C-alpha atoms as a PDB file:
ATOM      1  CA  MET A   1      99.547 -48.895 134.576  1.00  0.00           C
ATOM      2  CA  ARG A   2      95.931 -48.067 135.368  1.00  0.00           C
ATOM      3  CA  SER A   3      97.403 -45.839 138.476  1.00  0.00           C
ATOM      4  CA  ILE A   4      99.234 -43.796 136.314  1.00  0.00           C
ATOM      5  CA  VAL A   5      96.258 -43.206 133.749  1.00  0.00           C
ATOM      6  CA  LYS A   6      94.237 -41.948 136.842  1.00  0.00           C
ATOM      7  CA  GLY A   7      96.959 -39.746 137.869  1.00  0.00           C
ATOM      8  CA  LEU A   8      97.283 -38.245 134.311  1.00  0.00           C
ATOM      9  CA  VAL A   9      93.574 -37.744 134.337  1.00  0.00           C
ATOM     10  CA  GLY A  10      93.556 -35.927 137.755  1.00  0.00           C
ATOM     11  CA  LEU A  11      96.347 -33.736 136.700  1.00  0.00           C
ATOM     12  CA  PHE A  12      94.514 -32.832 133.553  1.00  0.00           C
ATOM     13  CA  ALA A  13      91.447 -31.751 135.464  1.00  0.00           C
ATOM     14  CA  VAL A  14      93.056 -29.642 137.883  1.00  0.00           C
ATOM     15  CA  PHE A  15      94.837 -27.843 135.302  1.00  0.00           C
ATOM     16  CA  SER A  16      91.334 -27.401 133.178  1.00  0.00           C
ATOM     17  CA  LEU A  17      90.005 -26.025 136.533  1.00  0.00           C
ATOM     18  CA  GLY A  18      93.100 -23.049 136.888  1.00  0.00           C
ATOM     19  CA  LEU A  19      92.875 -22.546 133.194  1.00  0.00           C
ATOM     20  CA  THR A  20      88.958 -21.819 132.870  1.00  0.00           C
ATOM     21  CA  PRO A  21      88.934 -18.469 134.842  1.00  0.00           C
ATOM     22  CA  ALA A  22      91.899 -17.163 132.709  1.00  0.00           C
ATOM     23  CA  LEU A  23      90.126 -17.694 129.342  1.00  0.00           C
ATOM     24  CA  ALA A  24      86.765 -16.043 131.050  1.00  0.00           C
ATOM     25  CA  GLN A  25      89.058 -12.879 131.840  1.00  0.00           C
ATOM     26  CA  MET A  26      90.541 -12.798 128.180  1.00  0.00           C
ATOM     27  CA  ARG A  27      89.142 -10.236 125.769  1.00  0.00           C
ATOM     28  CA  SER A  28      89.738  -8.924 122.124  1.00  0.00           C
ATOM     29  CA  ILE A  29      91.977  -5.539 121.746  1.00  0.00           C
ATOM     30  CA  ASP A  30      92.413  -3.179 119.153  1.00  0.00           C
ATOM     31  CA  PRO A  31      95.957  -2.285 118.854  1.00  0.00           C
ATOM     32  CA  ASN A  32      95.198   1.308 117.535  1.00  0.00           C
ATOM     33  CA  THR A  33      92.900   1.845 120.408  1.00  0.00           C
ATOM     34  CA  ALA A  34      95.340   0.568 122.937  1.00  0.00           C
ATOM     35  CA  ILE A  35      97.910   2.849 121.563  1.00  0.00           C
ATOM     36  CA  ASP A  36      95.817   6.057 121.533  1.00  0.00           C
ATOM     37  CA  ALA A  37      94.414   5.428 125.049  1.00  0.00           C
ATOM     38  CA  ASP A  38      96.830   7.830 126.838  1.00  0.00           C
ATOM     39  CA  LEU A  39      95.441  10.560 124.470  1.00  0.00           C
ATOM     40  CA  ALA A  40      91.726  10.179 125.297  1.00  0.00           C
ATOM     41  CA  PRO A  41      90.064  13.190 127.104  1.00  0.00           C
ATOM     42  CA  LEU A  42      89.881  13.327 130.998  1.00  0.00           C
ATOM     43  CA  PRO A  43      86.209  12.083 132.237  1.00  0.00           C
ATOM     44  CA  GLN A  44      83.705  14.915 133.183  1.00  0.00           C
ATOM     45  CA  GLN A  45      83.037  15.469 136.646  1.00  0.00           C
ATOM     46  CA  GLY A  46      79.741  15.103 138.298  1.00  0.00           C
ATOM     47  CA  ASN A  47      76.958  13.845 135.624  1.00  0.00           C
ATOM     48  CA  GLY A  48      79.295  14.151 132.686  1.00  0.00           C
ATOM     49  CA  ALA A  49      77.654  17.070 131.145  1.00  0.00           C
ATOM     50  CA  PRO A  50      79.442  20.350 130.453  1.00  0.00           C
ATOM     51  CA  PRO A  51      79.169  23.298 132.735  1.00  0.00           C
ATOM     52  CA  PRO A  52      76.114  25.926 131.123  1.00  0.00           C
ATOM     53  CA  ALA A  53      77.427  28.879 129.284  1.00  0.00           C
ATOM     54  CA  GLU A  54      76.817  32.243 130.785  1.00  0.00           C
ATOM     55  CA  GLN A  55      73.782  33.833 129.270  1.00  0.00           C
ATOM     56  CA  ASN A  56      72.335  37.367 129.711  1.00  0.00           C
ATOM     57  CA  VAL A  57      69.226  37.391 131.317  1.00  0.00           C
ATOM     58  CA  THR A  58      66.154  39.910 130.881  1.00  0.00           C
ATOM     59  CA  VAL A  59      65.149  41.543 134.171  1.00  0.00           C
ATOM     60  CA  ASP A  60      62.270  44.063 134.469  1.00  0.00           C
ATOM     61  CA  ASN A  61      64.190  47.061 134.162  1.00  0.00           C
ATOM     62  CA  GLY A  62      67.045  46.156 132.135  1.00  0.00           C
ATOM     63  CA  VAL A  63      69.481  43.573 130.912  1.00  0.00           C
ATOM     64  CA  TYR A  64      71.802  41.425 133.473  1.00  0.00           C
ATOM     65  CA  ASP A  65      75.087  40.475 132.068  1.00  0.00           C
ATOM     66  CA  ALA A  66      76.189  37.282 133.848  1.00  0.00           C
ATOM     67  CA  GLN A  67      79.709  37.673 132.705  1.00  0.00           C
ATOM     68  CA  THR A  68      80.077  41.593 133.748  1.00  0.00           C
ATOM     69  CA  ASN A  69      77.958  41.022 136.753  1.00  0.00           C
ATOM     70  CA  THR A  70      76.045  44.273 135.638  1.00  0.00           C
ATOM     71  CA  GLN A  71      72.702  45.241 134.816  1.00  0.00           C
ATOM     72  CA  ALA A  72      72.164  48.005 131.497  1.00  0.00           C
ATOM     73  CA  ALA A  73      68.940  49.648 131.942  1.00  0.00           C
ATOM     74  CA  THR A  74      66.918  49.911 128.827  1.00  0.00           C
ATOM     75  CA  THR A  75      65.534  53.566 127.523  1.00  0.00           C
ATOM     76  CA  GLY A  76      62.194  54.058 127.836  1.00  0.00           C
ATOM     77  CA  ASN A  77      61.560  56.138 124.553  1.00  0.00           C
ATOM     78  CA  ALA A  78      63.539  53.670 122.277  1.00  0.00           C
ATOM     79  CA  ALA A  79      60.844  50.809 123.168  1.00  0.00           C
ATOM     80  CA  ASP A  80      57.945  53.426 123.466  1.00  0.00           C
ATOM     81  CA  PRO A  81      55.941  54.405 120.171  1.00  0.00           C
ATOM     82  CA  ALA A  82      53.762  56.362 122.055  1.00  0.00           C
ATOM     83  CA  ALA A  83      56.441  58.561 123.736  1.00  0.00           C
ATOM     84  CA  GLN A  84      58.096  59.024 120.226  1.00  0.00           C
ATOM     85  CA  ALA A  85      54.932  60.057 118.728  1.00  0.00           C
ATOM     86  CA  ALA A  86      54.388  62.494 121.430  1.00  0.00           C
ATOM     87  CA  THR A  87      57.888  64.002 120.843  1.00  0.00           C
ATOM     88  CA  ALA A  88      57.405  64.319 117.337  1.00  0.00           C
ATOM     89  CA  ASN A  89      54.330  65.968 117.693  1.00  0.00           C
ATOM     90  CA  GLN A  90      55.739  68.577 119.891  1.00  0.00           C
ATOM     91  CA  SER A  91      58.464  69.270 117.600  1.00  0.00           C
ATOM     92  CA  ALA A  92      56.024  70.018 114.657  1.00  0.00           C
ATOM     93  CA  VAL A  93      54.148  72.951 116.272  1.00  0.00           C
ATOM     94  CA  TYR A  94      54.911  75.803 118.484  1.00  0.00           C
ATOM     95  CA  GLN A  95      54.429  75.805 122.094  1.00  0.00           C
ATOM     96  CA  LYS A  96      52.917  78.370 124.294  1.00  0.00           C
ATOM     97  CA  ASP A  97      56.131  80.180 125.592  1.00  0.00           C
ATOM     98  CA  ASP A  98      57.372  80.360 121.981  1.00  0.00           C
ATOM     99  CA  LEU A  99      54.132  81.976 120.673  1.00  0.00           C
ATOM    100  CA  ILE A 100      53.885  84.651 123.576  1.00  0.00           C
ATOM    101  CA  GLY A 101      57.556  85.521 123.312  1.00  0.00           C
ATOM    102  CA  ALA A 102      57.051  86.112 119.464  1.00  0.00           C
ATOM    103  CA  ALA A 103      53.709  87.979 119.943  1.00  0.00           C
ATOM    104  CA  GLU A 104      55.396  90.015 122.707  1.00  0.00           C
ATOM    105  CA  GLY A 105      58.309  90.845 119.965  1.00  0.00           C
ATOM    106  CA  VAL A 106      55.416  92.418 117.720  1.00  0.00           C
ATOM    107  CA  PHE A 107      53.372  94.455 120.405  1.00  0.00           C
ATOM    108  CA  GLY A 108      56.121  95.043 123.169  1.00  0.00           C
ATOM    109  CA  LYS A 109      56.870  92.919 125.919  1.00  0.00           C
ATOM    110  CA  GLY A 110      54.271  92.945 128.917  1.00  0.00           C
ATOM    111  CA  ALA A 111      51.433  93.968 126.602  1.00  0.00           C
ATOM    112  CA  LYS A 112      48.460  93.800 128.805  1.00  0.00           C
ATOM    113  CA  GLY A 113      46.082  91.088 127.759  1.00  0.00           C
ATOM    114  CA  LEU A 114      48.114  89.333 125.128  1.00  0.00           C
ATOM    115  CA  ALA A 115      49.119  86.396 127.224  1.00  0.00           C
ATOM    116  CA  GLY A 116      45.952  85.691 128.443  1.00  0.00           C
ATOM    117  CA  LEU A 117      44.412  85.833 124.714  1.00  0.00           C
ATOM    118  CA  ILE A 118      46.830  83.381 123.289  1.00  0.00           C
ATOM    119  CA  GLU A 119      46.330  80.792 126.309  1.00  0.00           C
ATOM    120  CA  LYS A 120      42.570  81.237 125.606  1.00  0.00           C
ATOM    121  CA  ILE A 121      42.992  80.370 121.733  1.00  0.00           C
ATOM    122  CA  LEU A 122      45.508  77.974 122.284  1.00  0.00           C
ATOM    123  CA  GLY A 123      43.152  76.084 124.854  1.00  0.00           C
ATOM    124  CA  ASP A 124      40.432  76.153 122.228  1.00  0.00           C
ATOM    125  CA  GLN A 125      42.231  75.652 119.069  1.00  0.00           C
ATOM    126  CA  GLY A 126      45.268  73.895 120.196  1.00  0.00           C
ATOM    127  CA  GLU A 127      49.217  74.644 119.095  1.00  0.00           C
ATOM    128  CA  PRO A 128      49.737  76.073 115.513  1.00  0.00           C
ATOM    129  CA  ASN A 129      52.441  74.866 113.145  1.00  0.00           C
ATOM    130  CA  ALA A 130      53.082  78.337 112.081  1.00  0.00           C
ATOM    131  CA  TYR A 131      52.816  82.058 112.543  1.00  0.00           C
ATOM    132  CA  ILE A 132      52.890  85.582 110.914  1.00  0.00           C
ATOM    133  CA  ALA A 133      54.617  88.672 112.807  1.00  0.00           C
ATOM    134  CA  GLY A 134      54.017  91.840 110.750  1.00  0.00           C
ATOM    135  CA  ARG A 135      52.573  95.097 110.385  1.00  0.00           C
ATOM    136  CA  GLU A 136      49.490  96.694 108.645  1.00  0.00           C
ATOM    137  CA  ALA A 137      48.370  99.975 107.185  1.00  0.00           C
ATOM    138  CA  SER A 138      44.875 100.970 106.202  1.00  0.00           C
ATOM    139  CA  GLY A 139      43.031 103.293 105.247  1.00  0.00           C
ATOM    140  CA  ALA A 140      39.134 103.962 105.202  1.00  0.00           C
ATOM    141  CA  PHE A 141      35.873 106.102 105.020  1.00  0.00           C
ATOM    142  CA  VAL A 142      33.925 103.823 107.131  1.00  0.00           C
ATOM    143  CA  VAL A 143      34.819 100.872 104.573  1.00  0.00           C
ATOM    144  CA  GLY A 144      38.396 100.731 103.431  1.00  0.00           C
ATOM    145  CA  LEU A 145      41.366  98.389 102.854  1.00  0.00           C
ATOM    146  CA  ARG A 146      44.012  96.823 104.631  1.00  0.00           C
ATOM    147  CA  TYR A 147      47.554  96.324 103.482  1.00  0.00           C
ATOM    148  CA  GLY A 148      50.156  94.244 105.440  1.00  0.00           C
ATOM    149  CA  SER A 149      53.699  92.669 105.434  1.00  0.00           C
ATOM    150  CA  GLY A 150      55.529  90.063 107.369  1.00  0.00           C
ATOM    151  CA  THR A 151      57.425  87.163 107.816  1.00  0.00           C
ATOM    152  CA  LEU A 152      55.818  83.715 108.039  1.00  0.00           C
ATOM    153  CA  PHE A 153      57.358  81.337 110.823  1.00  0.00           C
ATOM    154  CA  HIS A 154      56.947  77.696 109.693  1.00  0.00           C
ATOM    155  CA  LYS A 155      57.865  75.059 112.211  1.00  0.00           C
ATOM    156  CA  VAL A 156      59.474  72.795 109.439  1.00  0.00           C
ATOM    157  CA  GLU A 157      59.976  75.118 106.790  1.00  0.00           C
ATOM    158  CA  GLY A 158      61.456  77.821 108.095  1.00  0.00           C
ATOM    159  CA  GLN A 159      60.810  81.493 107.126  1.00  0.00           C
ATOM    160  CA  ARG A 160      59.822  83.489 104.404  1.00  0.00           C
ATOM    161  CA  GLU A 161      58.364  87.088 103.559  1.00  0.00           C
ATOM    162  CA  VAL A 162      54.587  87.428 102.931  1.00  0.00           C
ATOM    163  CA  TYR A 163      52.172  90.376 101.984  1.00  0.00           C
ATOM    164  CA  TRP A 164      48.589  90.488 102.372  1.00  0.00           C
ATOM    165  CA  THR A 165      45.497  92.746 101.645  1.00  0.00           C
ATOM    166  CA  GLY A 166      42.122  92.892 102.941  1.00  0.00           C
ATOM    167  CA  PRO A 167      38.981  94.871 103.411  1.00  0.00           C
ATOM    168  CA  SER A 168      38.769  97.022 106.858  1.00  0.00           C
ATOM    169  CA  VAL A 169      35.562  97.515 108.443  1.00  0.00           C
ATOM    170  CA  GLY A 170      34.682  99.823 111.171  1.00  0.00           C
ATOM    171  CA  PHE A 171      36.840 103.046 110.710  1.00  0.00           C
ATOM    172  CA  ASP A 172      35.750 106.518 110.473  1.00  0.00           C
ATOM    173  CA  PHE A 173      38.200 108.553 108.392  1.00  0.00           C
ATOM    174  CA  GLY A 174      41.752 108.756 107.616  1.00  0.00           C
ATOM    175  CA  GLY A 175      44.815 105.896 108.008  1.00  0.00           C
ATOM    176  CA  ASN A 176      46.020 103.768 110.594  1.00  0.00           C
ATOM    177  CA  ALA A 177      49.001 101.515 111.166  1.00  0.00           C
ATOM    178  CA  SER A 178      49.323  98.673 113.476  1.00  0.00           C
ATOM    179  CA  ASN A 179      51.157  95.391 114.241  1.00  0.00           C
ATOM    180  CA  SER A 180      49.722  92.020 113.663  1.00  0.00           C
ATOM    181  CA  PHE A 181      50.353  88.674 114.884  1.00  0.00           C
ATOM    182  CA  VAL A 182      48.658  85.690 113.010  1.00  0.00           C
ATOM    183  CA  LEU A 183      48.425  82.147 114.323  1.00  0.00           C
ATOM    184  CA  VAL A 184      48.291  79.655 111.679  1.00  0.00           C
ATOM    185  CA  TYR A 185      46.894  75.901 111.879  1.00  0.00           C
ATOM    186  CA  ASN A 186      47.545  72.827 109.668  1.00  0.00           C
ATOM    187  CA  LEU A 187      49.824  74.703 107.085  1.00  0.00           C
ATOM    188  CA  TYR A 188      51.904  72.031 106.002  1.00  0.00           C
ATOM    189  CA  ASP A 189      53.195  73.320 102.776  1.00  0.00           C
ATOM    190  CA  SER A 190      54.259  77.125 103.256  1.00  0.00           C
ATOM    191  CA  GLN A 191      53.208  77.819  99.635  1.00  0.00           C
ATOM    192  CA  ASP A 192      49.429  76.933 100.479  1.00  0.00           C
ATOM    193  CA  ILE A 193      49.558  80.390 102.380  1.00  0.00           C
ATOM    194  CA  PHE A 194      49.281  82.423  99.088  1.00  0.00           C
ATOM    195  CA  LYS A 195      45.492  82.180  98.854  1.00  0.00           C
ATOM    196  CA  ARG A 196      42.481  83.945  99.871  1.00  0.00           C
ATOM    197  CA  PHE A 197      40.944  83.233 103.405  1.00  0.00           C
ATOM    198  CA  PRO A 198      37.809  84.411 104.148  1.00  0.00           C
ATOM    199  CA  ALA A 199      36.061  84.750 107.341  1.00  0.00           C
ATOM    200  CA  GLY A 200      34.828  81.165 108.707  1.00  0.00           C
ATOM    201  CA  GLU A 201      32.842  79.927 111.479  1.00  0.00           C
ATOM    202  CA  GLY A 202      34.804  79.810 114.653  1.00  0.00           C
ATOM    203  CA  ALA A 203      35.346  81.868 118.066  1.00  0.00           C
ATOM    204  CA  ALA A 204      36.025  85.484 117.925  1.00  0.00           C
ATOM    205  CA  TYR A 205      38.233  86.812 120.776  1.00  0.00           C
ATOM    206  CA  LEU A 206      38.346  90.247 122.402  1.00  0.00           C
ATOM    207  CA  VAL A 207      40.555  90.747 125.319  1.00  0.00           C
ATOM    208  CA  GLY A 208      41.888  94.248 126.408  1.00  0.00           C
ATOM    209  CA  GLY A 209      42.793  96.236 123.413  1.00  0.00           C
ATOM    210  CA  PHE A 210      43.492  92.904 121.500  1.00  0.00           C
ATOM    211  CA  THR A 211      40.870  91.361 118.842  1.00  0.00           C
ATOM    212  CA  ALA A 212      41.061  88.051 117.282  1.00  0.00           C
ATOM    213  CA  SER A 213      38.905  86.545 114.498  1.00  0.00           C
ATOM    214  CA  TYR A 214      38.759  83.075 112.468  1.00  0.00           C
ATOM    215  CA  LEU A 215      39.767  82.970 108.836  1.00  0.00           C
ATOM    216  CA  ARG A 216      39.807  79.574 107.067  1.00  0.00           C
ATOM    217  CA  ARG A 217      40.293  77.954 103.626  1.00  0.00           C
ATOM    218  CA  GLY A 218      39.909  74.089 103.482  1.00  0.00           C
ATOM    219  CA  ASP A 219      41.781  72.621 106.524  1.00  0.00           C
ATOM    220  CA  VAL A 220      44.287  75.739 106.774  1.00  0.00           C
ATOM    221  CA  VAL A 221      42.922  78.165 109.527  1.00  0.00           C
ATOM    222  CA  LEU A 222      44.246  81.698 110.311  1.00  0.00           C
ATOM    223  CA  ILE A 223      43.660  83.627 113.683  1.00  0.00           C
ATOM    224  CA  PRO A 224      45.009  87.136 113.357  1.00  0.00           C
ATOM    225  CA  ILE A 225      45.603  89.232 116.495  1.00  0.00           C
ATOM    226  CA  ARG A 226      45.548  93.107 116.015  1.00  0.00           C
ATOM    227  CA  LEU A 227      46.196  96.063 118.404  1.00  0.00           C
ATOM    228  CA  GLY A 228      45.486  99.532 117.362  1.00  0.00           C
ATOM    229  CA  VAL A 229      43.350 102.737 117.745  1.00  0.00           C
ATOM    230  CA  GLY A 230      40.079 102.498 116.202  1.00  0.00           C
ATOM    231  CA  TYR A 231      40.029  98.634 115.878  1.00  0.00           C
ATOM    232  CA  ARG A 232      36.996  96.935 117.053  1.00  0.00           C
ATOM    233  CA  LEU A 233      35.795  93.261 116.699  1.00  0.00           C
ATOM    234  CA  GLY A 234      34.214  94.067 113.318  1.00  0.00           C
ATOM    235  CA  ALA A 235      37.338  95.090 111.776  1.00  0.00           C
ATOM    236  CA  ASN A 236      38.548  91.649 111.658  1.00  0.00           C
ATOM    237  CA  VAL A 237      35.666  90.487 109.764  1.00  0.00           C
ATOM    238  CA  GLY A 238      36.341  89.695 105.881  1.00  0.00           C
ATOM    239  CA  TYR A 239      39.367  87.904 104.515  1.00  0.00           C
ATOM    240  CA  MET A 240      43.389  88.136 104.170  1.00  0.00           C
ATOM    241  CA  LYS A 241      44.623  87.654 100.793  1.00  0.00           C
ATOM    242  CA  PHE A 242      48.427  86.692 100.962  1.00  0.00           C
ATOM    243  CA  THR A 243      50.756  87.057  97.844  1.00  0.00           C
ATOM    244  CA  GLU A 244      54.512  86.430  97.746  1.00  0.00           C
ATOM    245  CA  LYS A 245      55.130  90.100  96.217  1.00  0.00           C
ATOM    246  CA  SER A 246      53.745  93.458  97.437  1.00  0.00           C
ATOM    247  CA  ASN A 247      50.536  93.921  95.655  1.00  0.00           C
ATOM    248  CA  TRP A 248      48.488  97.357  95.364  1.00  0.00           C
ATOM    249  CA  LEU A 249      45.373  95.430  93.986  1.00  0.00           C
ATOM    250  CA  PRO A 250      43.530  94.182  96.986  1.00  0.00           C
ATOM    251  CA  PHE A 251      40.887  91.651  94.963  1.00  0.00           C
END
């Protein structure tokens, strides 16, 4: 009997040793997880992080597009306020070539000394934002009167007719007719031309048969250029009174 008991104890011990590793490997399983296991996403390659999205990269002279493998250059003026301001300033004034062409339309193409006179004035005063092209008639006995009419060309506001009167100094007898070209500075509202402009402190010019003087009222400056028989530099001294309609009263 004792031998039978020892044998049963030995079989139980052997059975227990074989069962212990099996129990150690057993784990609980969620049935929902087990069912959906075949739907799980595939594992990422490498370190498991998704590949970085392609981005546009800014370079010195443009933007590099990683998707199209191209580089788009940026425009300089769009990013340069100074260049934009310079362009806007040039569009608000008349340039030298425009003024010389307009003056030659008044005095004749290739008039001797005209281009040099305009270049001299622009070098001293800068570019005007308006000018007047017209004709004058005057009559005097030593001291007389001048009547003129013409067209005001404003860089921003366009054209309008103007008339003017003023004293003429330095004539002997009789009358005279001549052409006139007036450079106009700081005239931001063309209506402000219809005032009296007395002689101001500024440079007077005499080149060939052309004369030019300096008239000013407030910030608005006029530099009339004249050519005609009998004119001297003193003939430009005085004032110019502008009106919207022809007026025979000079004062």
